[in-house]
Amino acid sequence: MPDDPGRLIKAFCQYLEFERGASANTVASYRADLKSWFDFAKASGIQEDVPDSAVLARYLRHLASLSRSKSTLQRHAAALRTWKRFLEEEGMRAPDSERLPLPAKDRKLPQILGEGEIERIIQACNGDSPMDERDRALLETIYGCGLRASEACTLRLGNIDFSGGILRVIGKGDKERIVPLVGTSRRTLKQYVGQTRPVFRPKGEEVFLTRSGKPLRREDIWRIVQKRGHLAGIPVSRLHPHVLRHSFATHLLRRGMDLRTLQELLGHASIGTTERYTHFDVELRDIYDRCHPRA
């Protein structure tokens, strides 16, 4: 075990951010995962800075006993695999050929809302107050452009080109992509930026603001989706910001968009990540064919 794990963890986080291009969320998760490993190793009397396959299996069984999900176990294992590589590249550990295994991950199909449900959530923002108009513009933009909640939080005025009908979105790993801003989303966002946003007395260039003029945080967007979805009569278990992005992707596929174009719009590094929407749509049709009396 390192004498000063805090110093090494800080260096590891810098490695993730500046050399691997990891997002702030990934860095924070890996930092927490690494601290969890050190706590377990200390309590178990383990001296190694990186577990071998047998110790990793023991560690993952410990996490599973705490009711951690399979996706969380996989992330912990991935963090330790990257930690091992970091130590080897920094010359603090002799390279070896063992590659730490990743546990199987649950295959979860993304939740989606129907087009009618999306319309109901947006209609639930109808009203004349600045908060109503902000929420409508926010939800129209997230769904209309397929944004992550974090991307909506960091969207700045300079990222919007109303005349060209595009948004410049800064996604995971600070990667920039261009997405269309058209139709209702464009009109609603333009009205919000021009008429409603100044009411919040902005303290920066971020587009979506709290009552006090500060940028919205992800938890703020979660609360907005919960509130408007509840007003629309949608079960709370199906209400989270990412469901709007999932719905955007699935609705486009159903209307004939090809996977490569969708991959670009979503900012996925791998086509495999985008393909899960195809699996979802196929499975949904299979269930429909099997269950509907007139299918």
Protein backbone atom coordinates (compact mmCIF):
# COMPACT_ATOMS: atom_id res chain seq x y z
CA MET A 1 0.00 0.00 0.00
CA PRO A 2 1.32 3.51 -0.75
CA ASP A 3 2.51 5.59 2.21
CA ASP A 4 0.58 8.62 0.97
CA PRO A 5 -2.49 7.42 -0.96
CA GLY A 6 -3.98 10.93 -1.00
CA ARG A 7 -1.07 12.31 -3.03
CA LEU A 8 -1.19 9.40 -5.45
CA ILE A 9 -4.95 9.64 -5.88
CA LYS A 10 -4.57 13.33 -6.73
CA ALA A 11 -1.92 12.48 -9.35
CA PHE A 12 -4.16 9.71 -10.67
CA CYS A 13 -7.06 12.14 -11.07
CA GLN A 14 -4.84 14.56 -12.99
CA TYR A 15 -3.76 11.65 -15.21
CA LEU A 16 -7.42 10.81 -15.90
CA GLU A 17 -8.33 14.40 -16.68
CA PHE A 18 -5.34 15.62 -18.68
CA GLU A 19 -4.00 12.44 -20.30
CA ARG A 20 -7.09 10.28 -20.67
CA GLY A 21 -9.54 13.14 -21.29
CA ALA A 22 -11.97 11.78 -18.70
CA SER A 23 -15.01 13.82 -17.74
CA ALA A 24 -15.33 15.43 -14.32
CA ASN A 25 -17.97 12.85 -13.40
CA THR A 26 -15.67 9.94 -14.30
CA VAL A 27 -12.79 11.46 -12.34
CA ALA A 28 -14.98 11.90 -9.27
CA SER A 29 -16.32 8.34 -9.54
CA TYR A 30 -12.86 6.79 -9.95
CA ARG A 31 -11.53 8.85 -7.03
CA ALA A 32 -14.32 7.51 -4.80
CA ASP A 33 -13.81 3.95 -6.11
CA LEU A 34 -10.09 4.09 -5.39
CA LYS A 35 -10.67 5.36 -1.86
CA SER A 36 -13.12 2.50 -1.34
CA TRP A 37 -10.45 0.01 -2.44
CA PHE A 38 -7.85 1.49 -0.07
CA ASP A 39 -10.32 1.37 2.83
CA PHE A 40 -11.08 -2.29 2.08
CA ALA A 41 -7.39 -3.19 1.72
CA LYS A 42 -6.49 -1.49 5.00
CA ALA A 43 -9.33 -3.20 6.88
CA SER A 44 -8.39 -6.57 5.36
CA GLY A 45 -4.64 -6.27 5.96
CA ILE A 46 -3.86 -6.30 2.22
CA GLN A 47 -0.47 -4.80 1.36
CA GLU A 48 -0.71 -4.73 -2.44
CA ASP A 49 -1.42 -1.39 -4.13
CA VAL A 50 -3.39 -3.20 -6.85
CA PRO A 51 -5.35 -6.43 -6.33
CA ASP A 52 -4.63 -9.53 -8.36
CA SER A 53 -7.56 -11.36 -9.92
CA ALA A 54 -8.26 -13.40 -6.78
CA VAL A 55 -8.22 -10.37 -4.46
CA LEU A 56 -10.30 -8.38 -6.93
CA ALA A 57 -12.93 -11.14 -6.90
CA ARG A 58 -12.91 -11.01 -3.10
CA TYR A 59 -13.27 -7.21 -3.14
CA LEU A 60 -16.16 -7.35 -5.62
CA ARG A 61 -17.92 -9.97 -3.49
CA HIS A 62 -17.58 -7.54 -0.59
CA LEU A 63 -19.18 -4.76 -2.66
CA ALA A 64 -21.93 -7.13 -3.81
CA SER A 65 -22.69 -7.92 -0.17
CA LEU A 66 -23.42 -4.19 0.24
CA SER A 67 -26.09 -4.51 -2.49
CA ARG A 68 -24.03 -2.68 -5.13
CA SER A 69 -25.35 -3.14 -8.68
CA LYS A 70 -23.45 -5.05 -11.35
CA SER A 71 -22.76 -1.83 -13.23
CA THR A 72 -21.21 -0.35 -10.06
CA LEU A 73 -19.04 -3.46 -9.59
CA GLN A 74 -17.86 -3.15 -13.17
CA ARG A 75 -16.96 0.50 -12.67
CA HIS A 76 -14.94 -0.31 -9.53
CA ALA A 77 -13.03 -2.99 -11.46
CA ALA A 78 -12.45 -0.59 -14.37
CA ALA A 79 -11.14 2.05 -11.96
CA LEU A 80 -8.64 -0.42 -10.50
CA ARG A 81 -7.58 -1.56 -13.97
CA THR A 82 -6.89 2.08 -14.93
CA TRP A 83 -5.13 2.66 -11.59
CA LYS A 84 -2.82 -0.29 -12.32
CA ARG A 85 -2.01 1.13 -15.77
CA PHE A 86 -1.30 4.56 -14.24
CA LEU A 87 1.19 3.10 -11.74
CA GLU A 88 2.95 1.17 -14.51
CA GLU A 89 3.19 4.21 -16.80
CA GLU A 90 4.56 6.32 -13.94
CA GLY A 91 7.20 3.68 -13.18
CA MET A 92 5.83 3.06 -9.70
CA ARG A 93 4.96 -0.55 -10.50
CA ALA A 94 6.67 -3.06 -12.78
CA PRO A 95 4.48 -3.89 -15.78
CA ASP A 96 2.94 -7.34 -15.78
CA SER A 97 0.76 -9.20 -18.23
CA GLU A 98 -2.24 -9.75 -15.95
CA ARG A 99 -5.27 -7.77 -17.06
CA LEU A 100 -7.80 -7.38 -14.32
CA PRO A 101 -11.12 -8.90 -15.43
CA LEU A 102 -14.29 -6.85 -15.59
CA PRO A 103 -17.39 -8.51 -14.13
CA ALA A 104 -20.47 -8.98 -16.26
CA LYS A 105 -22.70 -5.96 -16.49
CA ASP A 106 -26.48 -6.01 -16.37
CA ARG A 107 -27.99 -5.36 -19.77
CA LYS A 108 -30.48 -2.63 -19.03
CA LEU A 109 -32.74 -1.39 -21.76
CA PRO A 110 -33.11 2.38 -21.66
CA GLN A 111 -36.42 3.70 -20.39
CA ILE A 112 -38.32 5.87 -22.82
CA LEU A 113 -41.44 7.99 -22.89
CA GLY A 114 -43.89 7.94 -25.75
CA GLU A 115 -44.21 10.96 -27.99
CA GLY A 116 -47.55 11.75 -26.35
CA GLU A 117 -45.97 11.62 -22.89
CA ILE A 118 -43.21 13.97 -23.98
CA GLU A 119 -45.86 16.38 -25.22
CA ARG A 120 -47.70 16.14 -21.89
CA ILE A 121 -44.56 16.95 -19.90
CA ILE A 122 -43.87 20.00 -22.05
CA GLN A 123 -47.51 21.09 -21.84
CA ALA A 124 -47.21 20.82 -18.04
CA CYS A 125 -44.90 23.86 -18.28
CA ASN A 126 -47.67 26.03 -19.73
CA GLY A 127 -47.93 29.22 -17.76
CA ASP A 128 -46.79 32.82 -17.79
CA SER A 129 -44.24 32.76 -14.97
CA PRO A 130 -40.49 32.95 -15.74
CA MET A 131 -40.08 29.49 -14.13
CA ASP A 132 -42.71 27.99 -16.45
CA GLU A 133 -41.04 29.51 -19.50
CA ARG A 134 -37.57 28.41 -18.34
CA ASP A 135 -38.71 24.85 -17.71
CA ARG A 136 -40.43 24.62 -21.08
CA ALA A 137 -37.33 25.88 -22.90
CA LEU A 138 -35.14 23.50 -20.88
CA LEU A 139 -37.22 20.40 -21.59
CA GLU A 140 -37.73 21.34 -25.25
CA THR A 141 -33.96 21.74 -25.66
CA ILE A 142 -32.97 18.54 -23.84
CA TYR A 143 -35.48 16.45 -25.79
CA GLY A 144 -35.23 18.33 -29.07
CA CYS A 145 -31.41 18.15 -29.16
CA GLY A 146 -30.78 14.91 -27.23
CA LEU A 147 -28.71 16.58 -24.51
CA ARG A 148 -27.36 15.06 -21.33
CA ALA A 149 -28.34 16.92 -18.16
CA SER A 150 -24.71 17.98 -17.66
CA GLU A 151 -24.63 19.39 -21.20
CA ALA A 152 -27.77 21.46 -20.55
CA CYS A 153 -26.20 22.81 -17.35
CA THR A 154 -23.05 23.98 -19.15
CA LEU A 155 -24.74 25.30 -22.30
CA ARG A 156 -23.65 28.92 -22.80
CA LEU A 157 -25.08 31.74 -24.89
CA GLY A 158 -22.10 31.56 -27.23
CA ASN A 159 -22.95 27.93 -28.01
CA ILE A 160 -26.24 28.91 -29.68
CA ASP A 161 -26.54 29.97 -33.32
CA PHE A 162 -30.20 30.81 -33.86
CA SER A 163 -29.68 32.01 -37.43
CA GLY A 164 -27.90 28.81 -38.40
CA GLY A 165 -30.16 26.62 -36.29
CA ILE A 166 -27.38 24.80 -34.42
CA LEU A 167 -26.04 24.21 -30.92
CA ARG A 168 -22.38 23.60 -30.09
CA VAL A 169 -22.53 21.06 -27.27
CA ILE A 170 -19.62 20.24 -24.97
CA GLY A 171 -20.01 16.59 -24.03
CA LYS A 172 -18.05 13.95 -22.15
CA GLY A 173 -14.31 14.48 -22.15
CA ASP A 174 -14.86 18.09 -23.31
CA LYS A 175 -15.62 16.81 -26.80
CA GLU A 176 -17.59 19.25 -28.92
CA ARG A 177 -20.38 18.24 -31.28
CA ILE A 178 -22.83 20.17 -33.41
CA VAL A 179 -26.55 19.37 -33.15
CA PRO A 180 -29.50 20.90 -35.03
CA LEU A 181 -31.71 23.39 -33.22
CA VAL A 182 -34.92 23.51 -35.23
CA GLY A 183 -38.68 23.76 -34.99
CA THR A 184 -40.38 24.25 -31.65
CA SER A 185 -37.14 23.82 -29.72
CA ARG A 186 -35.55 26.70 -31.58
CA ARG A 187 -38.53 29.02 -31.19
CA THR A 188 -39.00 28.26 -27.50
CA LEU A 189 -35.31 28.63 -26.65
CA LYS A 190 -35.03 31.88 -28.61
CA GLN A 191 -37.99 33.38 -26.75
CA TYR A 192 -36.57 32.27 -23.40
CA VAL A 193 -33.10 33.69 -24.10
CA GLY A 194 -34.42 36.98 -25.41
CA GLN A 195 -37.29 37.67 -23.01
CA THR A 196 -37.24 35.42 -19.95
CA ARG A 197 -33.59 34.75 -19.11
CA PRO A 198 -32.80 38.45 -18.31
CA VAL A 199 -35.45 38.32 -15.56
CA PHE A 200 -33.18 35.97 -13.59
CA ARG A 201 -30.38 38.60 -13.48
CA PRO A 202 -27.72 36.27 -14.91
CA LYS A 203 -24.37 36.00 -13.14
CA GLY A 204 -22.68 34.27 -16.07
CA GLU A 205 -23.11 33.14 -19.65
CA GLU A 206 -24.90 29.87 -18.89
CA VAL A 207 -28.30 29.61 -20.56
CA PHE A 208 -30.45 27.89 -17.95
CA LEU A 209 -30.55 29.60 -14.56
CA THR A 210 -31.96 29.31 -11.07
CA ARG A 211 -34.11 32.00 -9.48
CA SER A 212 -30.93 33.65 -8.19
CA GLY A 213 -29.31 33.79 -11.63
CA LYS A 214 -26.85 30.94 -11.06
CA PRO A 215 -26.45 28.02 -13.51
CA LEU A 216 -28.77 25.08 -13.01
CA ARG A 217 -27.14 21.95 -11.58
CA ARG A 218 -27.98 18.39 -12.59
CA GLU A 219 -30.01 17.88 -9.43
CA ASP A 220 -32.04 20.99 -10.33
CA ILE A 221 -32.87 19.50 -13.71
CA TRP A 222 -33.83 16.21 -12.04
CA ARG A 223 -36.28 18.10 -9.79
CA ILE A 224 -37.74 19.96 -12.78
CA VAL A 225 -38.32 16.71 -14.70
CA GLN A 226 -39.89 15.14 -11.60
CA LYS A 227 -42.17 18.13 -11.02
CA ARG A 228 -43.36 18.53 -14.60
CA GLY A 229 -43.70 14.79 -15.11
CA HIS A 230 -45.80 14.49 -11.98
CA LEU A 231 -48.10 17.25 -13.27
CA ALA A 232 -48.34 15.29 -16.54
CA GLY A 233 -49.43 12.15 -14.68
CA ILE A 234 -46.32 10.09 -15.45
CA PRO A 235 -45.07 7.62 -12.78
CA VAL A 236 -42.12 8.97 -10.82
CA SER A 237 -40.08 5.80 -11.47
CA ARG A 238 -39.89 6.78 -15.15
CA LEU A 239 -38.89 10.38 -14.56
CA HIS A 240 -35.23 11.34 -14.77
CA PRO A 241 -33.42 13.74 -17.13
CA HIS A 242 -31.78 10.97 -19.18
CA VAL A 243 -35.18 9.55 -20.13
CA LEU A 244 -35.66 12.59 -22.40
CA ARG A 245 -32.39 11.79 -24.20
CA HIS A 246 -33.32 8.10 -24.47
CA SER A 247 -36.71 9.06 -25.88
CA PHE A 248 -35.11 11.44 -28.40
CA ALA A 249 -32.88 8.63 -29.69
CA THR A 250 -35.60 5.98 -29.89
CA HIS A 251 -38.12 8.27 -31.56
CA LEU A 252 -35.58 9.24 -34.24
CA LEU A 253 -34.76 5.58 -34.94
CA ARG A 254 -38.43 4.72 -35.26
CA ARG A 255 -38.80 7.50 -37.81
CA GLY A 256 -35.97 6.11 -39.92
CA MET A 257 -32.73 7.79 -38.80
CA ASP A 258 -29.62 5.68 -39.42
CA LEU A 259 -27.35 4.65 -36.55
CA ARG A 260 -24.29 6.59 -37.70
CA THR A 261 -26.16 9.88 -37.81
CA LEU A 262 -27.72 9.16 -34.41
CA GLN A 263 -24.27 8.36 -33.02
CA GLU A 264 -23.05 11.79 -34.10
CA LEU A 265 -26.08 13.55 -32.61
CA LEU A 266 -25.71 11.77 -29.27
CA GLY A 267 -21.93 12.19 -29.11
CA HIS A 268 -21.27 8.48 -28.53
CA ALA A 269 -17.65 7.45 -28.94
CA SER A 270 -18.70 3.89 -29.85
CA ILE A 271 -21.40 2.79 -32.27
CA GLY A 272 -22.05 -0.07 -29.84
CA THR A 273 -23.47 2.40 -27.31
CA THR A 274 -25.89 3.70 -29.92
CA GLU A 275 -26.91 0.21 -31.04
CA ARG A 276 -28.64 -0.49 -27.74
CA TYR A 277 -31.48 1.73 -28.95
CA THR A 278 -31.92 -0.62 -31.91
CA HIS A 279 -32.08 -3.60 -29.54
CA PHE A 280 -34.62 -1.74 -27.43
CA ASP A 281 -36.84 -0.88 -30.36
CA VAL A 282 -36.71 -4.45 -31.70
CA GLU A 283 -37.56 -5.86 -28.26
CA LEU A 284 -40.41 -3.40 -27.88
CA ARG A 285 -41.87 -4.51 -31.22
CA ASP A 286 -41.45 -8.19 -30.26
CA ILE A 287 -43.37 -7.61 -27.02
CA TYR A 288 -46.06 -5.76 -28.98
CA ASP A 289 -46.36 -8.58 -31.52
CA ARG A 290 -46.57 -11.17 -28.76
CA CYS A 291 -49.07 -9.34 -26.54
CA HIS A 292 -51.32 -7.19 -28.69
CA PRO A 293 -54.54 -9.02 -29.64
CA ARG A 294 -54.59 -7.53 -33.14
CA ALA A 295 -50.87 -7.68 -33.87
